[in-house]
Amino acid sequence: MKAKRPSIFWNGCAAHCIDLMLEDIGKLGSVDKIIAQARQVTVFLYAHTRVLALMRKTLGKDLVRSGVTRFATAYLNLKSLQDNKKEMLKLFRSDELHEMGYLEKDKGKMAHKTVQSEAFWKGVGVAVNYFEPMANVLRRMDSDVPAMGFLYGCMLDAKKEIAASFDNDESRFKCVIDIIDKRWDSKLKSPLHLAGYFLNPYYYYPNKVVIERDGSFRAAVVHCITRMIEDQKTQDELIDELDKYEAEEDSFGMDIVVRQRKRKNFSPAKWWLNYGTCAPLLKDLAMKILSLTCSSSACERNWSA
């Protein structure tokens, strides 16, 4: 395909790559132990009809939640346990559960001991802090919604969130950041991903100094221009328009334009459609890139159906 169509780009599925990150995090010794203990508790609760009914009555809902992947499910179940800690402690202390006799059996004793352990709940909190930011990125990327302009920024935000949850004490989260960077660097930093970050004004203008100092983002945009546009004159005009975008000249500097790019439900492709009139060639290129999805999972589900 690349021989026939030189302008084509090949990128891996972002949802699959992020799921592999979650899987690697789940294999960390401390996290794997917590997942196994949590599974013992949920298996005990769901193995007996009367216990399950009492749990649902105490919690007012189900405990186990299913995610798009196995490790997203593991995170959701840990998060559910964390959110319902008070109710879980109340359940295992209740006379009604003790009178059923299930806590006298091996699995019941183990589940009871786990729920009563403060070390377990501390481990759940640590695991959730590892998983949650990346699980949120996975949720956003695992769809057919255009996300090429948000992947890089979401990954940066997730890493900052992990660091903040551990008070920026690198010794407590470095192993997780290393796991993320290893797969991110090799799979999700293609020219399209970098160009999407550069051309998304939601991220570009607040971080312009850092982005321009790096150089790799502008180089990625230039790479996309030379790969996707054959005519050299058009390429030169695109570079001129790129300078307008950087300097916020003409329509890029209008008050409404600045205000719109800060909106919560921001669509970068629509922003370019509405306000990129002073750079028509760059507008078309930006809309092509920013209208791309990052994952093939939605396609796979359609094919399966």
C-alpha atoms as a PDB file:
ATOM      1  CA  MET A   1       0.000   0.000   0.000  1.00  0.00           C
ATOM      2  CA  LYS A   2       2.810   2.436   0.838  1.00  0.00           C
ATOM      3  CA  ALA A   3       4.475   1.682  -2.489  1.00  0.00           C
ATOM      4  CA  LYS A   4       1.244   2.425  -4.377  1.00  0.00           C
ATOM      5  CA  ARG A   5       0.260   5.406  -2.230  1.00  0.00           C
ATOM      6  CA  PRO A   6       3.386   7.255  -0.990  1.00  0.00           C
ATOM      7  CA  SER A   7       1.270   9.760   0.972  1.00  0.00           C
ATOM      8  CA  ILE A   8      -0.196   7.112   3.286  1.00  0.00           C
ATOM      9  CA  PHE A   9       0.735   6.859   6.976  1.00  0.00           C
ATOM     10  CA  TRP A  10       0.764   3.677   9.062  1.00  0.00           C
ATOM     11  CA  ASN A  11      -0.024   3.993  12.767  1.00  0.00           C
ATOM     12  CA  GLY A  12      -0.695   1.407  15.440  1.00  0.00           C
ATOM     13  CA  CYS A  13      -4.024   1.306  17.304  1.00  0.00           C
ATOM     14  CA  ALA A  14      -3.828   3.691  20.286  1.00  0.00           C
ATOM     15  CA  ALA A  15      -6.429   1.756  22.296  1.00  0.00           C
ATOM     16  CA  HIS A  16      -4.468  -1.471  21.895  1.00  0.00           C
ATOM     17  CA  CYS A  17      -1.187   0.243  22.829  1.00  0.00           C
ATOM     18  CA  ILE A  18      -2.680   1.892  25.929  1.00  0.00           C
ATOM     19  CA  ASP A  19      -4.219  -1.438  26.957  1.00  0.00           C
ATOM     20  CA  LEU A  20      -0.750  -2.988  26.764  1.00  0.00           C
ATOM     21  CA  MET A  21       0.464  -0.213  29.082  1.00  0.00           C
ATOM     22  CA  LEU A  22      -2.309  -1.111  31.547  1.00  0.00           C
ATOM     23  CA  GLU A  23      -1.348  -4.771  31.223  1.00  0.00           C
ATOM     24  CA  ASP A  24       2.302  -3.996  31.981  1.00  0.00           C
ATOM     25  CA  ILE A  25       1.279  -1.901  35.000  1.00  0.00           C
ATOM     26  CA  GLY A  26      -0.927  -4.783  36.160  1.00  0.00           C
ATOM     27  CA  LYS A  27       2.092  -7.098  36.073  1.00  0.00           C
ATOM     28  CA  LEU A  28       3.979  -5.019  38.640  1.00  0.00           C
ATOM     29  CA  GLY A  29       4.364  -7.181  41.738  1.00  0.00           C
ATOM     30  CA  SER A  30       2.487  -4.920  44.151  1.00  0.00           C
ATOM     31  CA  VAL A  31      -0.362  -4.268  41.691  1.00  0.00           C
ATOM     32  CA  ASP A  32      -0.708  -7.908  40.641  1.00  0.00           C
ATOM     33  CA  LYS A  33      -1.052  -8.918  44.306  1.00  0.00           C
ATOM     34  CA  ILE A  34      -3.813  -6.358  44.915  1.00  0.00           C
ATOM     35  CA  ILE A  35      -5.716  -7.425  41.773  1.00  0.00           C
ATOM     36  CA  ALA A  36      -5.552 -11.066  42.924  1.00  0.00           C
ATOM     37  CA  GLN A  37      -6.801 -10.161  46.420  1.00  0.00           C
ATOM     38  CA  ALA A  38      -9.614  -8.034  45.007  1.00  0.00           C
ATOM     39  CA  ARG A  39     -10.614 -10.895  42.715  1.00  0.00           C
ATOM     40  CA  GLN A  40     -10.839 -13.248  45.713  1.00  0.00           C
ATOM     41  CA  VAL A  41     -13.258 -10.844  47.395  1.00  0.00           C
ATOM     42  CA  THR A  42     -15.481 -10.394  44.331  1.00  0.00           C
ATOM     43  CA  VAL A  43     -15.492 -14.136  43.553  1.00  0.00           C
ATOM     44  CA  PHE A  44     -16.661 -14.848  47.114  1.00  0.00           C
ATOM     45  CA  LEU A  45     -19.414 -12.228  46.912  1.00  0.00           C
ATOM     46  CA  TYR A  46     -20.710 -13.426  43.554  1.00  0.00           C
ATOM     47  CA  ALA A  47     -20.419 -17.159  44.277  1.00  0.00           C
ATOM     48  CA  HIS A  48     -23.392 -17.306  46.678  1.00  0.00           C
ATOM     49  CA  THR A  49     -26.877 -16.062  45.841  1.00  0.00           C
ATOM     50  CA  ARG A  50     -27.737 -14.956  49.382  1.00  0.00           C
ATOM     51  CA  VAL A  51     -24.411 -13.153  49.850  1.00  0.00           C
ATOM     52  CA  LEU A  52     -24.834 -11.442  46.470  1.00  0.00           C
ATOM     53  CA  ALA A  53     -28.348 -10.290  47.381  1.00  0.00           C
ATOM     54  CA  LEU A  54     -27.117  -8.901  50.719  1.00  0.00           C
ATOM     55  CA  MET A  55     -24.218  -7.127  48.977  1.00  0.00           C
ATOM     56  CA  ARG A  56     -26.559  -5.487  46.458  1.00  0.00           C
ATOM     57  CA  LYS A  57     -28.864  -4.446  49.292  1.00  0.00           C
ATOM     58  CA  THR A  58     -25.961  -2.905  51.259  1.00  0.00           C
ATOM     59  CA  LEU A  59     -24.298  -1.192  48.294  1.00  0.00           C
ATOM     60  CA  GLY A  60     -27.504  -0.379  46.450  1.00  0.00           C
ATOM     61  CA  LYS A  61     -25.850  -1.560  43.204  1.00  0.00           C
ATOM     62  CA  ASP A  62     -23.484  -4.129  41.707  1.00  0.00           C
ATOM     63  CA  LEU A  63     -19.820  -4.122  42.678  1.00  0.00           C
ATOM     64  CA  VAL A  64     -18.211  -5.650  39.586  1.00  0.00           C
ATOM     65  CA  ARG A  65     -18.060  -3.497  36.461  1.00  0.00           C
ATOM     66  CA  SER A  66     -16.887  -4.568  33.062  1.00  0.00           C
ATOM     67  CA  GLY A  67     -14.586  -2.491  30.834  1.00  0.00           C
ATOM     68  CA  VAL A  68     -13.537  -2.626  27.211  1.00  0.00           C
ATOM     69  CA  THR A  69     -10.510  -4.802  28.018  1.00  0.00           C
ATOM     70  CA  ARG A  70      -9.413  -7.187  30.775  1.00  0.00           C
ATOM     71  CA  PHE A  71      -7.129  -4.693  32.468  1.00  0.00           C
ATOM     72  CA  ALA A  72      -9.635  -1.854  32.124  1.00  0.00           C
ATOM     73  CA  THR A  73     -12.052  -4.195  33.929  1.00  0.00           C
ATOM     74  CA  ALA A  74      -9.441  -4.838  36.646  1.00  0.00           C
ATOM     75  CA  TYR A  75      -9.110  -1.070  37.144  1.00  0.00           C
ATOM     76  CA  LEU A  76     -12.890  -0.533  37.221  1.00  0.00           C
ATOM     77  CA  ASN A  77     -13.298  -3.234  39.865  1.00  0.00           C
ATOM     78  CA  LEU A  78     -10.541  -1.765  42.030  1.00  0.00           C
ATOM     79  CA  LYS A  79     -12.099   1.683  41.638  1.00  0.00           C
ATOM     80  CA  SER A  80     -15.503   0.262  42.577  1.00  0.00           C
ATOM     81  CA  LEU A  81     -14.016  -1.339  45.693  1.00  0.00           C
ATOM     82  CA  GLN A  82     -12.336   1.930  46.637  1.00  0.00           C
ATOM     83  CA  ASP A  83     -15.543   3.929  46.146  1.00  0.00           C
ATOM     84  CA  ASN A  84     -17.526   1.424  48.255  1.00  0.00           C
ATOM     85  CA  LYS A  85     -14.980   0.820  51.025  1.00  0.00           C
ATOM     86  CA  LYS A  86     -17.312   2.030  53.781  1.00  0.00           C
ATOM     87  CA  GLU A  87     -20.185  -0.177  52.564  1.00  0.00           C
ATOM     88  CA  MET A  88     -17.862  -3.185  52.128  1.00  0.00           C
ATOM     89  CA  LEU A  89     -16.621  -2.900  55.709  1.00  0.00           C
ATOM     90  CA  LYS A  90     -20.214  -2.582  56.883  1.00  0.00           C
ATOM     91  CA  LEU A  91     -21.204  -5.688  54.877  1.00  0.00           C
ATOM     92  CA  PHE A  92     -18.464  -7.907  56.311  1.00  0.00           C
ATOM     93  CA  ARG A  93     -19.239  -6.715  59.853  1.00  0.00           C
ATOM     94  CA  SER A  94     -22.982  -7.334  59.513  1.00  0.00           C
ATOM     95  CA  ASP A  95     -24.632  -9.991  61.689  1.00  0.00           C
ATOM     96  CA  GLU A  96     -26.678 -11.102  58.686  1.00  0.00           C
ATOM     97  CA  LEU A  97     -23.581 -12.138  56.698  1.00  0.00           C
ATOM     98  CA  HIS A  98     -22.026 -13.870  59.715  1.00  0.00           C
ATOM     99  CA  GLU A  99     -25.253 -15.826  60.359  1.00  0.00           C
ATOM    100  CA  MET A 100     -25.138 -17.276  56.836  1.00  0.00           C
ATOM    101  CA  GLY A 101     -22.025 -19.258  57.802  1.00  0.00           C
ATOM    102  CA  TYR A 102     -20.065 -18.581  54.616  1.00  0.00           C
ATOM    103  CA  LEU A 103     -17.395 -16.614  56.496  1.00  0.00           C
ATOM    104  CA  GLU A 104     -16.445 -19.803  58.329  1.00  0.00           C
ATOM    105  CA  LYS A 105     -15.275 -21.433  55.090  1.00  0.00           C
ATOM    106  CA  ASP A 106     -11.779 -20.918  53.640  1.00  0.00           C
ATOM    107  CA  LYS A 107     -12.793 -18.521  50.852  1.00  0.00           C
ATOM    108  CA  GLY A 108     -14.995 -16.565  53.241  1.00  0.00           C
ATOM    109  CA  LYS A 109     -12.218 -16.278  55.812  1.00  0.00           C
ATOM    110  CA  MET A 110      -9.796 -15.076  53.139  1.00  0.00           C
ATOM    111  CA  ALA A 111     -12.233 -12.490  51.763  1.00  0.00           C
ATOM    112  CA  HIS A 112     -13.047 -11.279  55.294  1.00  0.00           C
ATOM    113  CA  LYS A 113      -9.369 -10.960  56.181  1.00  0.00           C
ATOM    114  CA  THR A 114      -8.671  -9.020  52.958  1.00  0.00           C
ATOM    115  CA  VAL A 115     -11.498  -6.535  53.476  1.00  0.00           C
ATOM    116  CA  GLN A 116     -10.432  -5.932  57.086  1.00  0.00           C
ATOM    117  CA  SER A 117      -6.810  -5.285  56.034  1.00  0.00           C
ATOM    118  CA  GLU A 118      -5.795  -1.622  55.885  1.00  0.00           C
ATOM    119  CA  ALA A 119      -2.745  -2.640  53.806  1.00  0.00           C
ATOM    120  CA  PHE A 120      -5.125  -3.998  51.155  1.00  0.00           C
ATOM    121  CA  TRP A 121      -7.080  -0.737  50.942  1.00  0.00           C
ATOM    122  CA  LYS A 122      -3.843   1.254  50.757  1.00  0.00           C
ATOM    123  CA  GLY A 123      -2.700  -1.004  47.906  1.00  0.00           C
ATOM    124  CA  VAL A 124      -6.022  -0.488  46.127  1.00  0.00           C
ATOM    125  CA  GLY A 125      -5.508   3.280  46.335  1.00  0.00           C
ATOM    126  CA  VAL A 126      -2.001   3.036  44.876  1.00  0.00           C
ATOM    127  CA  ALA A 127      -3.150   0.740  42.040  1.00  0.00           C
ATOM    128  CA  VAL A 128      -6.069   3.042  41.179  1.00  0.00           C
ATOM    129  CA  ASN A 129      -3.691   6.028  41.058  1.00  0.00           C
ATOM    130  CA  TYR A 130      -1.515   4.061  38.609  1.00  0.00           C
ATOM    131  CA  PHE A 131      -4.408   2.878  36.446  1.00  0.00           C
ATOM    132  CA  GLU A 132      -6.976   5.672  36.459  1.00  0.00           C
ATOM    133  CA  PRO A 133      -5.291   8.369  34.317  1.00  0.00           C
ATOM    134  CA  MET A 134      -4.386   5.841  31.587  1.00  0.00           C
ATOM    135  CA  ALA A 135      -7.811   4.176  31.761  1.00  0.00           C
ATOM    136  CA  ASN A 136      -9.374   7.594  31.138  1.00  0.00           C
ATOM    137  CA  VAL A 137      -7.142   8.058  28.069  1.00  0.00           C
ATOM    138  CA  LEU A 138      -8.142   4.572  26.865  1.00  0.00           C
ATOM    139  CA  ARG A 139     -11.819   5.448  27.255  1.00  0.00           C
ATOM    140  CA  ARG A 140     -11.350   8.567  25.144  1.00  0.00           C
ATOM    141  CA  MET A 141      -9.313   6.878  22.413  1.00  0.00           C
ATOM    142  CA  ASP A 142     -11.415   3.697  22.214  1.00  0.00           C
ATOM    143  CA  SER A 143     -14.055   5.165  19.918  1.00  0.00           C
ATOM    144  CA  ASP A 144     -14.690   6.377  16.399  1.00  0.00           C
ATOM    145  CA  VAL A 145     -14.568  10.018  17.575  1.00  0.00           C
ATOM    146  CA  PRO A 146     -11.702  12.013  15.961  1.00  0.00           C
ATOM    147  CA  ALA A 147      -8.917  12.089  18.544  1.00  0.00           C
ATOM    148  CA  MET A 148      -5.659  12.634  16.635  1.00  0.00           C
ATOM    149  CA  GLY A 149      -5.369  16.160  18.022  1.00  0.00           C
ATOM    150  CA  PHE A 150      -5.809  15.001  21.609  1.00  0.00           C
ATOM    151  CA  LEU A 151      -3.764  11.803  22.015  1.00  0.00           C
ATOM    152  CA  TYR A 152      -0.404  13.447  22.746  1.00  0.00           C
ATOM    153  CA  GLY A 153      -1.921  16.025  25.087  1.00  0.00           C
ATOM    154  CA  CYS A 154      -3.985  13.406  26.937  1.00  0.00           C
ATOM    155  CA  MET A 155      -0.888  11.272  27.452  1.00  0.00           C
ATOM    156  CA  LEU A 156       1.018  14.236  28.913  1.00  0.00           C
ATOM    157  CA  ASP A 157      -1.926  15.081  31.175  1.00  0.00           C
ATOM    158  CA  ALA A 158      -2.153  11.449  32.359  1.00  0.00           C
ATOM    159  CA  LYS A 159       1.530  11.414  33.333  1.00  0.00           C
ATOM    160  CA  LYS A 160       1.128  14.698  35.233  1.00  0.00           C
ATOM    161  CA  GLU A 161      -1.939  13.293  37.003  1.00  0.00           C
ATOM    162  CA  ILE A 162      -0.034  10.173  38.088  1.00  0.00           C
ATOM    163  CA  ALA A 163       2.822  12.325  39.416  1.00  0.00           C
ATOM    164  CA  ALA A 164       0.428  14.646  41.275  1.00  0.00           C
ATOM    165  CA  SER A 165      -1.349  11.717  42.969  1.00  0.00           C
ATOM    166  CA  PHE A 166       2.007  10.723  44.514  1.00  0.00           C
ATOM    167  CA  ASP A 167       2.962  14.304  45.475  1.00  0.00           C
ATOM    168  CA  ASN A 168       5.521  14.348  42.632  1.00  0.00           C
ATOM    169  CA  ASP A 169       7.730  11.913  44.555  1.00  0.00           C
ATOM    170  CA  GLU A 170       9.322  10.230  41.528  1.00  0.00           C
ATOM    171  CA  SER A 171      10.507   7.192  43.492  1.00  0.00           C
ATOM    172  CA  ARG A 172       6.858   6.187  44.039  1.00  0.00           C
ATOM    173  CA  PHE A 173       5.735   6.248  40.399  1.00  0.00           C
ATOM    174  CA  LYS A 174       8.840   6.102  38.165  1.00  0.00           C
ATOM    175  CA  CYS A 175       8.272   2.421  37.328  1.00  0.00           C
ATOM    176  CA  VAL A 176       4.857   3.277  35.862  1.00  0.00           C
ATOM    177  CA  ILE A 177       6.123   6.289  33.894  1.00  0.00           C
ATOM    178  CA  ASP A 178       8.884   4.083  32.428  1.00  0.00           C
ATOM    179  CA  ILE A 179       6.260   1.549  31.301  1.00  0.00           C
ATOM    180  CA  ILE A 180       4.184   4.286  29.665  1.00  0.00           C
ATOM    181  CA  ASP A 181       7.150   5.963  27.955  1.00  0.00           C
ATOM    182  CA  LYS A 182       8.522   2.694  26.586  1.00  0.00           C
ATOM    183  CA  ARG A 183       5.382   1.930  24.580  1.00  0.00           C
ATOM    184  CA  TRP A 184       4.473   5.552  23.892  1.00  0.00           C
ATOM    185  CA  ASP A 185       7.879   6.347  22.377  1.00  0.00           C
ATOM    186  CA  SER A 186       7.848   3.312  20.090  1.00  0.00           C
ATOM    187  CA  LYS A 187       4.220   3.324  18.925  1.00  0.00           C
ATOM    188  CA  LEU A 188       2.363   6.590  19.495  1.00  0.00           C
ATOM    189  CA  LYS A 189       4.755   9.361  18.492  1.00  0.00           C
ATOM    190  CA  SER A 190       4.393   9.251  14.727  1.00  0.00           C
ATOM    191  CA  PRO A 191       4.383  12.450  12.610  1.00  0.00           C
ATOM    192  CA  LEU A 192       0.560  12.414  12.617  1.00  0.00           C
ATOM    193  CA  HIS A 193       0.385  12.247  16.420  1.00  0.00           C
ATOM    194  CA  LEU A 194       2.903  15.071  16.833  1.00  0.00           C
ATOM    195  CA  ALA A 195       1.337  17.184  14.069  1.00  0.00           C
ATOM    196  CA  GLY A 196      -2.100  16.671  15.646  1.00  0.00           C
ATOM    197  CA  TYR A 197      -0.788  18.084  18.930  1.00  0.00           C
ATOM    198  CA  PHE A 198       0.848  21.039  17.136  1.00  0.00           C
ATOM    199  CA  LEU A 199      -2.259  21.858  15.079  1.00  0.00           C
ATOM    200  CA  ASN A 200      -4.663  21.609  18.015  1.00  0.00           C
ATOM    201  CA  PRO A 201      -4.921  25.203  19.327  1.00  0.00           C
ATOM    202  CA  TYR A 202      -6.313  23.879  22.635  1.00  0.00           C
ATOM    203  CA  TYR A 203      -2.816  22.599  23.417  1.00  0.00           C
ATOM    204  CA  TYR A 204      -0.590  24.609  21.099  1.00  0.00           C
ATOM    205  CA  TYR A 205      -1.080  28.178  22.338  1.00  0.00           C
ATOM    206  CA  PRO A 206      -0.858  27.493  26.123  1.00  0.00           C
ATOM    207  CA  ASN A 207       2.312  25.423  25.516  1.00  0.00           C
ATOM    208  CA  LYS A 208       3.727  27.309  22.513  1.00  0.00           C
ATOM    209  CA  VAL A 209       7.157  28.063  24.009  1.00  0.00           C
ATOM    210  CA  VAL A 210       7.786  24.422  24.982  1.00  0.00           C
ATOM    211  CA  ILE A 211       6.433  23.079  21.676  1.00  0.00           C
ATOM    212  CA  GLU A 212       8.503  25.452  19.511  1.00  0.00           C
ATOM    213  CA  ARG A 213      11.638  24.866  21.579  1.00  0.00           C
ATOM    214  CA  ASP A 214      11.315  21.092  21.098  1.00  0.00           C
ATOM    215  CA  GLY A 215      11.315  21.312  17.295  1.00  0.00           C
ATOM    216  CA  SER A 216      10.052  17.775  16.710  1.00  0.00           C
ATOM    217  CA  PHE A 217       6.427  18.953  16.516  1.00  0.00           C
ATOM    218  CA  ARG A 218       7.030  21.518  13.773  1.00  0.00           C
ATOM    219  CA  ALA A 219       9.232  18.973  11.996  1.00  0.00           C
ATOM    220  CA  ALA A 220       6.312  16.522  12.118  1.00  0.00           C
ATOM    221  CA  VAL A 221       4.007  19.090  10.514  1.00  0.00           C
ATOM    222  CA  VAL A 222       6.582  19.744   7.780  1.00  0.00           C
ATOM    223  CA  HIS A 223       6.881  15.978   7.270  1.00  0.00           C
ATOM    224  CA  CYS A 224       3.097  15.716   6.840  1.00  0.00           C
ATOM    225  CA  ILE A 225       3.108  18.625   4.386  1.00  0.00           C
ATOM    226  CA  THR A 226       5.835  17.095   2.196  1.00  0.00           C
ATOM    227  CA  ARG A 227       4.261  13.624   2.393  1.00  0.00           C
ATOM    228  CA  MET A 228       0.657  14.670   1.709  1.00  0.00           C
ATOM    229  CA  ILE A 229       1.224  17.558  -0.729  1.00  0.00           C
ATOM    230  CA  GLU A 230       3.192  16.960  -3.931  1.00  0.00           C
ATOM    231  CA  ASP A 231       3.250  20.474  -5.418  1.00  0.00           C
ATOM    232  CA  GLN A 232       6.314  22.396  -4.142  1.00  0.00           C
ATOM    233  CA  LYS A 233       4.683  25.819  -4.552  1.00  0.00           C
ATOM    234  CA  THR A 234       1.769  24.700  -2.379  1.00  0.00           C
ATOM    235  CA  GLN A 235       4.234  23.344   0.182  1.00  0.00           C
ATOM    236  CA  ASP A 236       5.939  26.749   0.407  1.00  0.00           C
ATOM    237  CA  GLU A 237       2.585  28.518   0.817  1.00  0.00           C
ATOM    238  CA  LEU A 238       1.674  26.099   3.609  1.00  0.00           C
ATOM    239  CA  ILE A 239       4.870  26.961   5.505  1.00  0.00           C
ATOM    240  CA  ASP A 240       3.994  30.676   5.231  1.00  0.00           C
ATOM    241  CA  GLU A 241       0.517  29.959   6.601  1.00  0.00           C
ATOM    242  CA  LEU A 242       2.086  27.951   9.431  1.00  0.00           C
ATOM    243  CA  ASP A 243       3.908  31.115  10.518  1.00  0.00           C
ATOM    244  CA  LYS A 244       0.554  32.953  10.633  1.00  0.00           C
ATOM    245  CA  TYR A 245      -0.855  30.240  12.908  1.00  0.00           C
ATOM    246  CA  GLU A 246       2.139  30.535  15.243  1.00  0.00           C
ATOM    247  CA  ALA A 247       1.978  34.335  15.403  1.00  0.00           C
ATOM    248  CA  GLU A 248      -1.850  34.411  15.820  1.00  0.00           C
ATOM    249  CA  GLU A 249      -2.165  36.746  12.843  1.00  0.00           C
ATOM    250  CA  ASP A 250      -5.379  37.768  11.042  1.00  0.00           C
ATOM    251  CA  SER A 251      -8.349  35.517  11.938  1.00  0.00           C
ATOM    252  CA  PHE A 252      -6.234  33.476  14.385  1.00  0.00           C
ATOM    253  CA  GLY A 253      -5.972  36.465  16.732  1.00  0.00           C
ATOM    254  CA  MET A 254      -9.665  37.465  16.936  1.00  0.00           C
ATOM    255  CA  ASP A 255     -11.183  37.534  20.434  1.00  0.00           C
ATOM    256  CA  ILE A 256     -13.873  34.996  19.562  1.00  0.00           C
ATOM    257  CA  VAL A 257     -11.251  32.650  18.107  1.00  0.00           C
ATOM    258  CA  VAL A 258      -9.159  32.791  21.284  1.00  0.00           C
ATOM    259  CA  ARG A 259     -12.271  32.279  23.412  1.00  0.00           C
ATOM    260  CA  GLN A 260     -13.546  29.338  21.381  1.00  0.00           C
ATOM    261  CA  ARG A 261     -10.325  27.321  21.650  1.00  0.00           C
ATOM    262  CA  LYS A 262     -10.646  27.296  25.462  1.00  0.00           C
ATOM    263  CA  ARG A 263     -14.094  25.657  25.495  1.00  0.00           C
ATOM    264  CA  LYS A 264     -14.519  22.377  27.363  1.00  0.00           C
ATOM    265  CA  ASN A 265     -16.150  20.487  24.464  1.00  0.00           C
ATOM    266  CA  PHE A 266     -13.623  21.747  21.957  1.00  0.00           C
ATOM    267  CA  SER A 267     -13.424  20.336  18.420  1.00  0.00           C
ATOM    268  CA  PRO A 268     -10.144  21.391  16.751  1.00  0.00           C
ATOM    269  CA  ALA A 269     -11.297  20.379  13.259  1.00  0.00           C
ATOM    270  CA  LYS A 270     -14.413  22.560  13.565  1.00  0.00           C
ATOM    271  CA  TRP A 271     -12.280  25.386  14.960  1.00  0.00           C
ATOM    272  CA  TRP A 272     -10.132  25.286  11.822  1.00  0.00           C
ATOM    273  CA  LEU A 273     -13.240  25.116   9.621  1.00  0.00           C
ATOM    274  CA  ASN A 274     -14.711  28.223  11.279  1.00  0.00           C
ATOM    275  CA  TYR A 275     -11.613  30.335  11.870  1.00  0.00           C
ATOM    276  CA  GLY A 276      -8.841  29.133   9.545  1.00  0.00           C
ATOM    277  CA  THR A 277      -9.985  31.360   6.671  1.00  0.00           C
ATOM    278  CA  CYS A 278      -6.725  33.330   6.575  1.00  0.00           C
ATOM    279  CA  ALA A 279      -4.787  30.087   5.973  1.00  0.00           C
ATOM    280  CA  PRO A 280      -6.967  28.061   3.559  1.00  0.00           C
ATOM    281  CA  LEU A 281      -4.294  25.515   2.591  1.00  0.00           C
ATOM    282  CA  LEU A 282      -3.244  24.874   6.189  1.00  0.00           C
ATOM    283  CA  LYS A 283      -6.919  24.731   7.180  1.00  0.00           C
ATOM    284  CA  ASP A 284      -7.539  21.842   4.775  1.00  0.00           C
ATOM    285  CA  LEU A 285      -4.434  19.978   5.953  1.00  0.00           C
ATOM    286  CA  ALA A 286      -5.240  20.537   9.646  1.00  0.00           C
ATOM    287  CA  MET A 287      -8.824  19.344   9.196  1.00  0.00           C
ATOM    288  CA  LYS A 288      -7.604  16.161   7.487  1.00  0.00           C
ATOM    289  CA  ILE A 289      -5.231  15.368  10.352  1.00  0.00           C
ATOM    290  CA  LEU A 290      -7.498  16.466  13.210  1.00  0.00           C
ATOM    291  CA  SER A 291     -10.470  14.515  11.819  1.00  0.00           C
ATOM    292  CA  LEU A 292      -8.607  11.207  12.151  1.00  0.00           C
ATOM    293  CA  THR A 293      -9.328   8.589  14.778  1.00  0.00           C
ATOM    294  CA  CYS A 294      -6.418   7.030  16.696  1.00  0.00           C
ATOM    295  CA  SER A 295      -7.781   3.516  17.219  1.00  0.00           C
ATOM    296  CA  SER A 296      -9.026   0.647  15.098  1.00  0.00           C
ATOM    297  CA  SER A 297     -11.101  -0.864  17.932  1.00  0.00           C
ATOM    298  CA  ALA A 298     -14.371   0.719  16.762  1.00  0.00           C
ATOM    299  CA  CYS A 299     -13.771  -0.758  13.282  1.00  0.00           C
ATOM    300  CA  GLU A 300     -13.027  -4.161  14.798  1.00  0.00           C
ATOM    301  CA  ARG A 301     -16.311  -4.105  16.714  1.00  0.00           C
ATOM    302  CA  ASN A 302     -18.191  -3.218  13.511  1.00  0.00           C
ATOM    303  CA  TRP A 303     -16.482  -6.032  11.599  1.00  0.00           C
ATOM    304  CA  SER A 304     -17.234  -8.479  14.409  1.00  0.00           C
ATOM    305  CA  ALA A 305     -20.891  -7.489  14.342  1.00  0.00           C
END
